[in-house]
């Protein structure tokens, strides 16, 4: 995918929002603004549900407590989709 660099002027309140999101999400300014543009123009972005977030946190906690419990993503995906 080709990439172009652009300069954007933002009002102070938008700049502050971008910087806060960047800090909290540990992402680049470009990533935050690209996601905002994709959302504006209708490209779907993935937003996990509260249940998905809770499951992820639980899985990460379990992995830290017992690294041997880690599973291959293909196996996890089969469980999630009901495949055998």
C-alpha atoms as a PDB file:
ATOM      1  CA  UNK A   1       0.000   0.000   0.000  1.00  0.00           C
ATOM      2  CA  UNK A   2       1.362   3.390  -0.982  1.00  0.00           C
ATOM      3  CA  UNK A   3       1.799   5.905   1.808  1.00  0.00           C
ATOM      4  CA  UNK A   4       1.676   9.679   1.639  1.00  0.00           C
ATOM      5  CA  UNK A   5       2.689  12.150   4.274  1.00  0.00           C
ATOM      6  CA  UNK A   6       0.380  15.103   4.956  1.00  0.00           C
ATOM      7  CA  UNK A   7       0.420  17.995   7.384  1.00  0.00           C
ATOM      8  CA  UNK A   8      -2.797  18.583   9.295  1.00  0.00           C
ATOM      9  CA  UNK A   9      -3.692  21.569  11.435  1.00  0.00           C
ATOM     10  CA  UNK A  10      -5.833  20.690  14.441  1.00  0.00           C
ATOM     11  CA  UNK A  11      -7.603  22.880  16.969  1.00  0.00           C
ATOM     12  CA  UNK A  12      -6.010  22.589  20.406  1.00  0.00           C
ATOM     13  CA  UNK A  13      -8.876  20.477  21.821  1.00  0.00           C
ATOM     14  CA  UNK A  14      -8.556  17.863  19.030  1.00  0.00           C
ATOM     15  CA  UNK A  15      -4.782  17.795  19.381  1.00  0.00           C
ATOM     16  CA  UNK A  16      -5.209  17.174  23.109  1.00  0.00           C
ATOM     17  CA  UNK A  17      -7.638  14.307  22.431  1.00  0.00           C
ATOM     18  CA  UNK A  18      -5.212  12.730  19.957  1.00  0.00           C
ATOM     19  CA  UNK A  19      -2.337  13.018  22.425  1.00  0.00           C
ATOM     20  CA  UNK A  20      -4.399  11.523  25.255  1.00  0.00           C
ATOM     21  CA  UNK A  21      -5.482   8.584  23.086  1.00  0.00           C
ATOM     22  CA  UNK A  22      -1.918   8.109  21.900  1.00  0.00           C
ATOM     23  CA  UNK A  23      -0.640   7.973  25.462  1.00  0.00           C
ATOM     24  CA  UNK A  24      -3.331   5.624  26.767  1.00  0.00           C
ATOM     25  CA  UNK A  25      -3.306   3.268  23.776  1.00  0.00           C
ATOM     26  CA  UNK A  26       0.477   3.338  23.186  1.00  0.00           C
ATOM     27  CA  UNK A  27      -0.061   4.109  19.513  1.00  0.00           C
ATOM     28  CA  UNK A  28       1.345   6.657  17.125  1.00  0.00           C
ATOM     29  CA  UNK A  29      -0.356   9.901  16.203  1.00  0.00           C
ATOM     30  CA  UNK A  30      -0.707   8.578  12.659  1.00  0.00           C
ATOM     31  CA  UNK A  31      -2.473   5.422  13.851  1.00  0.00           C
ATOM     32  CA  UNK A  32      -4.984   7.416  15.905  1.00  0.00           C
ATOM     33  CA  UNK A  33      -5.779   9.818  13.061  1.00  0.00           C
ATOM     34  CA  UNK A  34      -5.957   7.001  10.474  1.00  0.00           C
ATOM     35  CA  UNK A  35      -8.471   5.135  12.626  1.00  0.00           C
ATOM     36  CA  UNK A  36     -10.547   8.296  13.040  1.00  0.00           C
ATOM     37  CA  UNK A  37     -10.606   8.794   9.271  1.00  0.00           C
ATOM     38  CA  UNK A  38     -11.500   5.159   8.613  1.00  0.00           C
ATOM     39  CA  UNK A  39     -14.357   5.421  11.099  1.00  0.00           C
ATOM     40  CA  UNK A  40     -15.559   8.668   9.529  1.00  0.00           C
ATOM     41  CA  UNK A  41     -15.531   7.213   6.025  1.00  0.00           C
ATOM     42  CA  UNK A  42     -17.260   4.012   7.056  1.00  0.00           C
ATOM     43  CA  UNK A  43     -14.475   1.439   7.042  1.00  0.00           C
ATOM     44  CA  UNK A  44     -15.308  -0.886   9.900  1.00  0.00           C
ATOM     45  CA  UNK A  45     -12.969  -1.001  12.856  1.00  0.00           C
ATOM     46  CA  UNK A  46     -12.903  -3.829  15.344  1.00  0.00           C
ATOM     47  CA  UNK A  47     -14.121  -2.958  18.822  1.00  0.00           C
ATOM     48  CA  UNK A  48     -14.092  -5.832  21.288  1.00  0.00           C
ATOM     49  CA  UNK A  49     -17.128  -6.326  23.492  1.00  0.00           C
ATOM     50  CA  UNK A  50     -16.844  -6.146  27.273  1.00  0.00           C
ATOM     51  CA  UNK A  51     -17.062  -9.948  27.354  1.00  0.00           C
ATOM     52  CA  UNK A  52     -14.228 -10.273  24.811  1.00  0.00           C
ATOM     53  CA  UNK A  53     -12.069  -7.872  26.809  1.00  0.00           C
ATOM     54  CA  UNK A  54     -12.771  -9.779  30.028  1.00  0.00           C
ATOM     55  CA  UNK A  55     -11.896 -13.074  28.312  1.00  0.00           C
ATOM     56  CA  UNK A  56      -8.652 -11.611  26.997  1.00  0.00           C
ATOM     57  CA  UNK A  57      -7.655 -10.247  30.406  1.00  0.00           C
ATOM     58  CA  UNK A  58      -8.453 -13.606  32.015  1.00  0.00           C
ATOM     59  CA  UNK A  59      -6.420 -15.443  29.372  1.00  0.00           C
ATOM     60  CA  UNK A  60      -3.451 -13.112  29.828  1.00  0.00           C
ATOM     61  CA  UNK A  61      -3.613 -13.547  33.609  1.00  0.00           C
ATOM     62  CA  UNK A  62      -3.768 -17.338  33.201  1.00  0.00           C
ATOM     63  CA  UNK A  63      -0.815 -17.282  30.803  1.00  0.00           C
ATOM     64  CA  UNK A  64       1.249 -15.293  33.274  1.00  0.00           C
ATOM     65  CA  UNK A  65       0.361 -17.646  36.102  1.00  0.00           C
ATOM     66  CA  UNK A  66       0.977 -20.783  34.005  1.00  0.00           C
ATOM     67  CA  UNK A  67       2.935 -20.210  30.760  1.00  0.00           C
ATOM     68  CA  UNK A  68       2.485 -23.894  29.893  1.00  0.00           C
ATOM     69  CA  UNK A  69      -1.258 -23.244  29.466  1.00  0.00           C
ATOM     70  CA  UNK A  70      -0.680 -21.180  26.315  1.00  0.00           C
ATOM     71  CA  UNK A  71      -2.465 -22.530  23.242  1.00  0.00           C
ATOM     72  CA  UNK A  72      -1.998 -22.094  19.514  1.00  0.00           C
ATOM     73  CA  UNK A  73      -4.213 -19.402  17.981  1.00  0.00           C
ATOM     74  CA  UNK A  74      -5.607 -21.882  15.451  1.00  0.00           C
ATOM     75  CA  UNK A  75      -6.913 -24.037  18.330  1.00  0.00           C
ATOM     76  CA  UNK A  76      -8.431 -21.050  20.132  1.00  0.00           C
ATOM     77  CA  UNK A  77     -10.091 -19.883  16.917  1.00  0.00           C
ATOM     78  CA  UNK A  78     -11.613 -23.331  16.356  1.00  0.00           C
ATOM     79  CA  UNK A  79     -13.110 -23.181  19.859  1.00  0.00           C
ATOM     80  CA  UNK A  80     -14.480 -19.690  19.246  1.00  0.00           C
ATOM     81  CA  UNK A  81     -16.080 -20.593  15.928  1.00  0.00           C
ATOM     82  CA  UNK A  82     -17.297 -24.036  16.983  1.00  0.00           C
ATOM     83  CA  UNK A  83     -15.127 -25.846  14.440  1.00  0.00           C
ATOM     84  CA  UNK A  84     -13.684 -29.297  15.097  1.00  0.00           C
END
